[in-house]
Amino acid sequence: MAWRTHTEGGRTADAAGARLARHATASLAGVLAEQGMSRKDLADTMGVSPGRVSQILSGDENLTMRSLAAVAEALDLRVEISFSERPAAEHREPVESARAPHHRPLTHAHR
């Protein structure tokens, strides 16, 4: 299956990835605040430099599953990823080859 880089309405896979990364890093920042942890505390727990944690939490880098898993492991949490239908305001025509005929939420928990 070829990846689509452009979609209707001017959306791109890169833009969608950037939104997802911002959402993930905002969620991580919230977890750190709830746990009273600083970025330095997280870096120490992960065994990486504070600069590396800043890269992860900046939302500018392409987050990998491994980097998310490393943060979750350091925080004694799990990562859950699910796929769901877009809200009606964001809905667009599906690509025939990229969509299953029925909606099936997928969840993966790391741990």
N, C-alpha and C. Protein backbone atom coordinates (compact mmCIF):
# COMPACT_ATOMS: atom_id res chain seq x y z
N MET A 1 0.85 -1.18 0.00
CA MET A 1 0.00 0.00 0.00
C MET A 1 0.89 1.23 0.00
N ALA A 2 0.65 2.15 -0.90
CA ALA A 2 1.42 3.40 -0.95
C ALA A 2 0.81 4.40 0.03
N TRP A 3 1.67 5.13 0.69
CA TRP A 3 1.22 6.16 1.62
C TRP A 3 0.77 7.37 0.85
N ARG A 4 -0.32 7.96 1.27
CA ARG A 4 -0.81 9.19 0.65
C ARG A 4 -0.17 10.35 1.38
N THR A 5 0.42 11.26 0.64
CA THR A 5 0.98 12.43 1.28
C THR A 5 0.04 13.61 1.20
N HIS A 6 -0.85 13.63 0.21
CA HIS A 6 -1.81 14.72 0.09
C HIS A 6 -3.21 14.14 0.15
N THR A 7 -4.08 14.86 0.82
CA THR A 7 -5.46 14.43 0.93
C THR A 7 -6.36 15.58 0.53
N GLU A 8 -7.65 15.32 0.42
CA GLU A 8 -8.60 16.37 0.10
C GLU A 8 -8.54 17.45 1.17
N GLY A 9 -8.82 18.67 0.78
CA GLY A 9 -8.83 19.76 1.74
C GLY A 9 -7.43 20.24 2.10
N GLY A 10 -6.41 19.80 1.38
CA GLY A 10 -5.05 20.28 1.63
C GLY A 10 -4.34 19.61 2.80
N ARG A 11 -4.96 18.64 3.40
CA ARG A 11 -4.30 17.96 4.53
C ARG A 11 -3.16 17.10 4.01
N THR A 12 -2.14 16.97 4.79
CA THR A 12 -1.05 16.08 4.42
C THR A 12 -0.77 15.13 5.57
N ALA A 13 -0.13 14.03 5.24
CA ALA A 13 0.25 13.07 6.28
C ALA A 13 1.21 13.72 7.26
N ASP A 14 2.08 14.60 6.76
CA ASP A 14 3.01 15.29 7.66
C ASP A 14 2.28 16.17 8.65
N ALA A 15 1.27 16.89 8.19
CA ALA A 15 0.50 17.75 9.08
C ALA A 15 -0.25 16.92 10.12
N ALA A 16 -0.82 15.80 9.68
CA ALA A 16 -1.52 14.92 10.62
C ALA A 16 -0.55 14.35 11.64
N GLY A 17 0.64 13.99 11.19
CA GLY A 17 1.66 13.48 12.11
C GLY A 17 2.09 14.53 13.11
N ALA A 18 2.21 15.77 12.67
CA ALA A 18 2.59 16.86 13.57
C ALA A 18 1.51 17.09 14.62
N ARG A 19 0.24 17.03 14.20
CA ARG A 19 -0.86 17.18 15.18
C ARG A 19 -0.82 16.06 16.20
N LEU A 20 -0.59 14.85 15.74
CA LEU A 20 -0.53 13.70 16.64
C LEU A 20 0.64 13.84 17.62
N ALA A 21 1.79 14.29 17.13
CA ALA A 21 2.96 14.49 18.00
C ALA A 21 2.68 15.57 19.04
N ARG A 22 2.02 16.67 18.64
CA ARG A 22 1.68 17.72 19.61
C ARG A 22 0.73 17.19 20.68
N HIS A 23 -0.23 16.38 20.26
CA HIS A 23 -1.17 15.79 21.21
C HIS A 23 -0.43 14.88 22.21
N ALA A 24 0.46 14.04 21.69
CA ALA A 24 1.21 13.12 22.55
C ALA A 24 2.11 13.88 23.52
N THR A 25 2.80 14.91 23.04
CA THR A 25 3.71 15.64 23.93
C THR A 25 2.94 16.46 24.96
N ALA A 26 1.77 16.99 24.58
CA ALA A 26 0.95 17.70 25.56
C ALA A 26 0.46 16.73 26.64
N SER A 27 0.09 15.53 26.22
CA SER A 27 -0.33 14.51 27.17
C SER A 27 0.81 14.15 28.12
N LEU A 28 2.02 13.98 27.58
CA LEU A 28 3.19 13.67 28.41
C LEU A 28 3.49 14.80 29.39
N ALA A 29 3.39 16.04 28.93
CA ALA A 29 3.63 17.18 29.81
C ALA A 29 2.62 17.19 30.95
N GLY A 30 1.37 16.84 30.65
CA GLY A 30 0.35 16.76 31.69
C GLY A 30 0.65 15.68 32.71
N VAL A 31 1.13 14.54 32.24
CA VAL A 31 1.50 13.45 33.15
C VAL A 31 2.64 13.88 34.06
N LEU A 32 3.65 14.53 33.49
CA LEU A 32 4.77 15.01 34.31
C LEU A 32 4.28 15.98 35.38
N ALA A 33 3.40 16.89 35.00
CA ALA A 33 2.86 17.86 35.96
C ALA A 33 2.08 17.14 37.07
N GLU A 34 1.25 16.18 36.69
CA GLU A 34 0.47 15.42 37.67
C GLU A 34 1.37 14.68 38.65
N GLN A 35 2.50 14.16 38.15
CA GLN A 35 3.42 13.40 39.00
C GLN A 35 4.45 14.29 39.69
N GLY A 36 4.41 15.59 39.42
CA GLY A 36 5.36 16.51 40.04
C GLY A 36 6.79 16.29 39.59
N MET A 37 6.96 15.81 38.36
CA MET A 37 8.29 15.52 37.82
C MET A 37 8.73 16.63 36.88
N SER A 38 10.00 16.95 36.96
CA SER A 38 10.59 17.89 36.01
C SER A 38 11.13 17.11 34.82
N ARG A 39 11.52 17.84 33.79
CA ARG A 39 12.15 17.20 32.63
C ARG A 39 13.47 16.55 33.05
N LYS A 40 14.18 17.21 33.96
CA LYS A 40 15.44 16.65 34.45
C LYS A 40 15.19 15.35 35.21
N ASP A 41 14.14 15.33 36.03
CA ASP A 41 13.79 14.09 36.74
C ASP A 41 13.51 12.96 35.75
N LEU A 42 12.76 13.27 34.70
CA LEU A 42 12.45 12.26 33.69
C LEU A 42 13.73 11.80 32.99
N ALA A 43 14.60 12.74 32.66
CA ALA A 43 15.87 12.39 32.00
C ALA A 43 16.68 11.45 32.88
N ASP A 44 16.76 11.77 34.16
CA ASP A 44 17.51 10.92 35.09
C ASP A 44 16.91 9.52 35.15
N THR A 45 15.59 9.44 35.21
CA THR A 45 14.91 8.15 35.27
C THR A 45 15.11 7.34 33.99
N MET A 46 15.12 8.04 32.85
CA MET A 46 15.30 7.37 31.56
C MET A 46 16.76 7.05 31.26
N GLY A 47 17.67 7.72 31.96
CA GLY A 47 19.09 7.53 31.67
C GLY A 47 19.54 8.24 30.41
N VAL A 48 18.89 9.37 30.11
CA VAL A 48 19.24 10.18 28.94
C VAL A 48 19.51 11.61 29.39
N SER A 49 19.98 12.42 28.48
CA SER A 49 20.26 13.82 28.82
C SER A 49 18.96 14.63 28.90
N PRO A 50 18.97 15.71 29.68
CA PRO A 50 17.80 16.59 29.69
C PRO A 50 17.47 17.13 28.29
N GLY A 51 18.51 17.32 27.47
CA GLY A 51 18.28 17.77 26.11
C GLY A 51 17.47 16.78 25.29
N ARG A 52 17.71 15.50 25.51
CA ARG A 52 16.95 14.47 24.80
C ARG A 52 15.48 14.51 25.20
N VAL A 53 15.24 14.69 26.50
CA VAL A 53 13.85 14.79 26.96
C VAL A 53 13.20 16.03 26.36
N SER A 54 13.93 17.13 26.28
CA SER A 54 13.39 18.34 25.65
C SER A 54 13.04 18.09 24.19
N GLN A 55 13.88 17.33 23.48
CA GLN A 55 13.58 16.98 22.09
C GLN A 55 12.27 16.20 22.00
N ILE A 56 12.12 15.23 22.89
CA ILE A 56 10.92 14.40 22.88
C ILE A 56 9.68 15.24 23.18
N LEU A 57 9.78 16.11 24.19
CA LEU A 57 8.62 16.88 24.63
C LEU A 57 8.36 18.13 23.81
N SER A 58 9.27 18.49 22.92
CA SER A 58 9.07 19.70 22.11
C SER A 58 7.99 19.49 21.05
N GLY A 59 7.77 18.26 20.67
CA GLY A 59 6.79 17.97 19.63
C GLY A 59 7.32 18.22 18.24
N ASP A 60 8.58 18.67 18.14
CA ASP A 60 9.16 18.98 16.83
C ASP A 60 9.74 17.76 16.15
N GLU A 61 10.13 16.77 16.92
CA GLU A 61 10.74 15.60 16.30
C GLU A 61 9.67 14.57 15.95
N ASN A 62 10.02 13.68 15.06
CA ASN A 62 9.13 12.59 14.69
C ASN A 62 9.20 11.54 15.79
N LEU A 63 8.23 11.54 16.68
CA LEU A 63 8.22 10.60 17.79
C LEU A 63 8.12 9.17 17.27
N THR A 64 8.89 8.29 17.85
CA THR A 64 8.82 6.89 17.49
C THR A 64 8.09 6.13 18.58
N MET A 65 7.66 4.94 18.24
CA MET A 65 7.05 4.08 19.25
C MET A 65 8.06 3.79 20.36
N ARG A 66 9.31 3.64 19.98
CA ARG A 66 10.34 3.36 20.98
C ARG A 66 10.53 4.51 21.95
N SER A 67 10.51 5.75 21.45
CA SER A 67 10.69 6.88 22.37
C SER A 67 9.48 7.01 23.29
N LEU A 68 8.28 6.80 22.76
CA LEU A 68 7.09 6.82 23.62
C LEU A 68 7.14 5.70 24.64
N ALA A 69 7.57 4.51 24.22
CA ALA A 69 7.68 3.38 25.14
C ALA A 69 8.72 3.65 26.22
N ALA A 70 9.83 4.29 25.86
CA ALA A 70 10.87 4.60 26.84
C ALA A 70 10.36 5.56 27.90
N VAL A 71 9.61 6.57 27.47
CA VAL A 71 9.04 7.52 28.42
C VAL A 71 8.02 6.81 29.31
N ALA A 72 7.15 6.01 28.71
CA ALA A 72 6.15 5.28 29.49
C ALA A 72 6.80 4.36 30.50
N GLU A 73 7.85 3.67 30.09
CA GLU A 73 8.57 2.77 31.00
C GLU A 73 9.14 3.54 32.18
N ALA A 74 9.74 4.69 31.90
CA ALA A 74 10.33 5.51 32.97
C ALA A 74 9.28 6.01 33.94
N LEU A 75 8.07 6.24 33.44
CA LEU A 75 6.98 6.75 34.29
C LEU A 75 6.12 5.62 34.85
N ASP A 76 6.49 4.37 34.56
CA ASP A 76 5.73 3.19 34.98
C ASP A 76 4.29 3.26 34.49
N LEU A 77 4.17 3.64 33.22
CA LEU A 77 2.87 3.74 32.56
C LEU A 77 2.86 2.86 31.32
N ARG A 78 1.75 2.79 30.65
CA ARG A 78 1.66 2.08 29.38
C ARG A 78 1.17 3.06 28.32
N VAL A 79 1.48 2.76 27.10
CA VAL A 79 1.03 3.56 25.97
C VAL A 79 -0.16 2.85 25.34
N GLU A 80 -1.23 3.57 25.10
CA GLU A 80 -2.39 3.02 24.42
C GLU A 80 -2.63 3.81 23.15
N ILE A 81 -2.78 3.12 22.05
CA ILE A 81 -3.04 3.75 20.77
C ILE A 81 -4.33 3.18 20.23
N SER A 82 -5.25 4.04 19.84
CA SER A 82 -6.50 3.56 19.27
C SER A 82 -6.82 4.36 18.01
N PHE A 83 -7.52 3.72 17.12
CA PHE A 83 -7.97 4.35 15.89
C PHE A 83 -9.48 4.45 15.95
N SER A 84 -10.01 5.61 15.59
CA SER A 84 -11.46 5.80 15.62
C SER A 84 -11.88 6.71 14.48
N GLU A 85 -13.17 6.75 14.24
CA GLU A 85 -13.71 7.61 13.19
C GLU A 85 -13.44 9.07 13.53
N ARG A 86 -13.25 9.87 12.49
CA ARG A 86 -13.09 11.31 12.68
C ARG A 86 -14.44 11.92 13.05
N PRO A 87 -14.43 13.01 13.81
CA PRO A 87 -15.69 13.74 14.03
C PRO A 87 -16.24 14.21 12.68
N ALA A 88 -17.53 14.39 12.58
CA ALA A 88 -18.17 14.75 11.31
C ALA A 88 -17.53 15.98 10.68
N ALA A 89 -17.13 16.96 11.47
CA ALA A 89 -16.54 18.19 10.93
C ALA A 89 -15.21 17.93 10.23
N GLU A 90 -14.51 16.87 10.59
CA GLU A 90 -13.22 16.56 9.99
C GLU A 90 -13.31 15.45 8.95
N HIS A 91 -14.47 14.89 8.75
CA HIS A 91 -14.61 13.70 7.90
C HIS A 91 -14.36 14.03 6.44
N ARG A 92 -13.72 13.12 5.76
CA ARG A 92 -13.47 13.24 4.33
C ARG A 92 -13.73 11.88 3.68
N GLU A 93 -13.76 11.85 2.38
CA GLU A 93 -13.96 10.59 1.66
C GLU A 93 -12.80 9.65 1.93
N PRO A 94 -13.08 8.41 2.32
CA PRO A 94 -11.99 7.45 2.57
C PRO A 94 -11.33 7.01 1.27
N VAL A 95 -10.09 6.63 1.37
CA VAL A 95 -9.38 6.03 0.25
C VAL A 95 -9.76 4.57 0.25
N GLU A 96 -10.29 4.07 -0.85
CA GLU A 96 -10.83 2.72 -0.91
C GLU A 96 -9.84 1.67 -0.43
N SER A 97 -8.59 1.74 -0.87
CA SER A 97 -7.62 0.71 -0.50
C SER A 97 -7.08 0.88 0.90
N ALA A 98 -7.30 2.03 1.52
CA ALA A 98 -6.71 2.28 2.83
C ALA A 98 -7.70 2.07 3.97
N ARG A 99 -8.96 1.79 3.67
CA ARG A 99 -9.95 1.65 4.72
C ARG A 99 -10.55 0.25 4.72
N ALA A 100 -10.72 -0.28 5.88
CA ALA A 100 -11.45 -1.54 6.01
C ALA A 100 -12.92 -1.23 5.80
N PRO A 101 -13.72 -2.20 5.38
CA PRO A 101 -15.13 -1.93 5.12
C PRO A 101 -15.92 -1.60 6.38
N HIS A 102 -15.45 -2.00 7.54
CA HIS A 102 -16.16 -1.73 8.79
C HIS A 102 -15.21 -1.07 9.77
N HIS A 103 -15.78 -0.20 10.61
CA HIS A 103 -14.99 0.45 11.66
C HIS A 103 -14.61 -0.57 12.71
N ARG A 104 -13.34 -0.68 12.98
CA ARG A 104 -12.86 -1.60 14.02
C ARG A 104 -11.83 -0.87 14.86
N PRO A 105 -12.19 -0.44 16.08
CA PRO A 105 -11.19 0.21 16.93
C PRO A 105 -10.05 -0.76 17.21
N LEU A 106 -8.86 -0.27 17.16
CA LEU A 106 -7.67 -1.06 17.47
C LEU A 106 -7.02 -0.46 18.69
N THR A 107 -6.69 -1.26 19.65
CA THR A 107 -6.01 -0.76 20.83
C THR A 107 -4.80 -1.61 21.07
N HIS A 108 -3.72 -0.95 21.39
CA HIS A 108 -2.48 -1.64 21.72
C HIS A 108 -1.97 -1.03 23.01
N ALA A 109 -1.71 -1.83 23.99
CA ALA A 109 -1.16 -1.35 25.25
C ALA A 109 0.26 -1.83 25.38
N HIS A 110 1.14 -0.90 25.73
CA HIS A 110 2.54 -1.26 25.96
C HIS A 110 2.71 -1.59 27.42
N ARG A 111 3.29 -2.70 27.72
CA ARG A 111 3.62 -3.13 29.09
C ARG A 111 3.65 -4.60 29.12
